[in-house]
Amino acid sequence: QVQLVESGGGLVQPGGSLRLSCSASRSFSFYSMGWYRQAPGEQRELVATIQIGGSTNYADSVKGRFTISRDNVNNTVYLQMSSLKPEDTAVYYCIMGGHWGQGTQVTVSS
């Protein structure tokens, strides 16, 4: 069993920044981590992943604007989001293998 607790979502204006955090109840040093998002009425999208060795991948829609990072000592993964656009509005979910966090709402609106 594992618990993933997310935080950092909220309301931000276009062009602004937010940092999402995900804290795990156990070590994820041996797992690939990632973030999904789902906007209302749209399909779920894999936003970013970070591998055990630290390599990262991003969806084309966020590449150059978002950065995923991990702290294996503190069992925390982050998603730094900058230059936010209204189309980034979604519920963002932390993932570790088959485990999902509860999600945190990000709303980008003027």
Protein backbone atom coordinates (compact mmCIF):
# COMPACT_ATOMS: atom_id res chain seq x y z
CA GLN A 1 0.00 0.00 0.00
CA VAL A 2 1.03 3.56 -0.66
CA GLN A 3 -0.44 7.01 -0.23
CA LEU A 4 0.30 9.91 -2.53
CA VAL A 5 -0.66 13.33 -1.23
CA GLU A 6 -0.69 16.25 -3.64
CA SER A 7 -0.69 19.94 -2.97
CA GLY A 8 0.02 23.25 -4.67
CA GLY A 9 -2.94 23.64 -6.96
CA GLY A 10 -4.99 26.77 -7.17
CA LEU A 11 -6.06 29.69 -9.30
CA VAL A 12 -3.49 31.56 -11.33
CA GLN A 13 -3.63 34.10 -14.13
CA PRO A 14 -2.32 33.30 -17.60
CA GLY A 15 1.44 33.65 -17.67
CA GLY A 16 1.75 32.83 -14.01
CA SER A 17 3.42 29.94 -12.23
CA LEU A 18 2.55 27.19 -9.79
CA ARG A 19 4.48 24.34 -8.24
CA LEU A 20 2.73 21.09 -7.49
CA SER A 21 4.07 18.71 -4.88
CA CYS A 22 3.43 15.03 -4.28
CA SER A 23 4.54 13.31 -1.10
CA ALA A 24 4.62 9.52 -0.88
CA SER A 25 4.11 7.42 2.22
CA ARG A 26 7.00 5.18 1.30
CA SER A 27 10.16 5.37 -0.71
CA PHE A 28 9.76 5.70 -4.46
CA SER A 29 13.45 5.52 -5.24
CA PHE A 30 12.80 2.47 -7.41
CA TYR A 31 9.78 3.79 -9.29
CA SER A 32 9.16 5.95 -12.27
CA MET A 33 7.06 8.94 -11.23
CA GLY A 34 4.80 11.17 -13.21
CA TRP A 35 1.95 13.61 -13.48
CA TYR A 36 -1.29 13.19 -15.37
CA ARG A 37 -3.93 15.79 -15.92
CA GLN A 38 -7.53 15.72 -17.00
CA ALA A 39 -9.56 18.70 -18.09
CA PRO A 40 -13.35 18.62 -18.06
CA GLY A 41 -14.68 16.84 -21.12
CA GLU A 42 -11.23 15.91 -22.34
CA GLN A 43 -9.16 12.75 -22.27
CA ARG A 44 -6.55 12.14 -19.63
CA GLU A 45 -3.11 13.35 -20.62
CA LEU A 46 0.27 12.23 -19.38
CA VAL A 47 2.03 15.50 -18.66
CA ALA A 48 5.47 14.50 -17.48
CA THR A 49 7.48 11.56 -16.22
CA ILE A 50 10.75 11.16 -14.40
CA GLN A 51 12.63 7.89 -14.36
CA ILE A 52 14.65 6.25 -11.61
CA GLY A 53 17.86 7.62 -13.07
CA GLY A 54 16.40 11.10 -13.40
CA SER A 55 15.63 11.30 -17.10
CA THR A 56 12.45 13.19 -17.94
CA ASN A 57 9.83 13.29 -20.65
CA TYR A 58 7.11 15.84 -21.32
CA ALA A 59 3.98 16.13 -23.33
CA ASP A 60 4.40 18.40 -26.31
CA SER A 61 1.76 20.70 -24.88
CA VAL A 62 3.88 21.55 -21.84
CA LYS A 63 7.43 21.08 -23.05
CA GLY A 64 9.57 24.09 -22.28
CA ARG A 65 7.14 25.38 -19.68
CA PHE A 66 6.90 22.58 -17.10
CA THR A 67 9.65 20.87 -15.16
CA ILE A 68 9.32 17.63 -13.21
CA SER A 69 11.79 16.79 -10.48
CA ARG A 70 12.11 14.27 -7.69
CA ASP A 71 13.62 14.12 -4.24
CA ASN A 72 14.16 10.47 -3.40
CA VAL A 73 15.41 11.25 0.10
CA ASN A 74 12.17 12.99 1.04
CA ASN A 75 9.93 10.90 -1.23
CA THR A 76 8.57 13.95 -3.00
CA VAL A 77 8.00 14.72 -6.65
CA TYR A 78 7.36 18.19 -8.01
CA LEU A 79 5.89 19.75 -11.09
CA GLN A 80 7.01 23.33 -11.64
CA MET A 81 4.64 25.02 -14.06
CA SER A 82 5.39 28.35 -15.65
CA SER A 83 3.96 30.44 -18.48
CA LEU A 84 0.62 28.91 -17.68
CA LYS A 85 -2.15 29.00 -20.23
CA PRO A 86 -5.92 28.62 -19.83
CA GLU A 87 -5.67 25.25 -21.57
CA ASP A 88 -3.51 24.03 -18.68
CA THR A 89 -6.62 24.09 -16.51
CA ALA A 90 -7.19 20.57 -15.23
CA VAL A 91 -7.03 18.26 -12.28
CA TYR A 92 -3.44 17.12 -11.91
CA TYR A 93 -2.66 13.67 -10.54
CA CYS A 94 0.58 12.30 -9.18
CA ILE A 95 1.33 8.73 -10.21
CA MET A 96 3.70 6.06 -8.97
CA GLY A 97 3.30 2.89 -10.96
CA GLY A 98 -0.36 1.98 -10.60
CA HIS A 99 -0.87 4.32 -7.67
CA TRP A 100 -2.62 7.65 -8.02
CA GLY A 101 -2.85 10.66 -5.81
CA GLN A 102 -6.14 12.35 -5.03
CA GLY A 103 -5.57 15.10 -7.57
CA THR A 104 -5.22 18.83 -7.21
CA GLN A 105 -7.10 21.43 -9.21
CA VAL A 106 -5.20 23.92 -11.32
CA THR A 107 -7.22 26.73 -12.84
CA VAL A 108 -5.63 29.24 -15.19
CA SER A 109 -7.95 32.13 -15.82
CA SER A 110 -7.98 35.89 -16.02
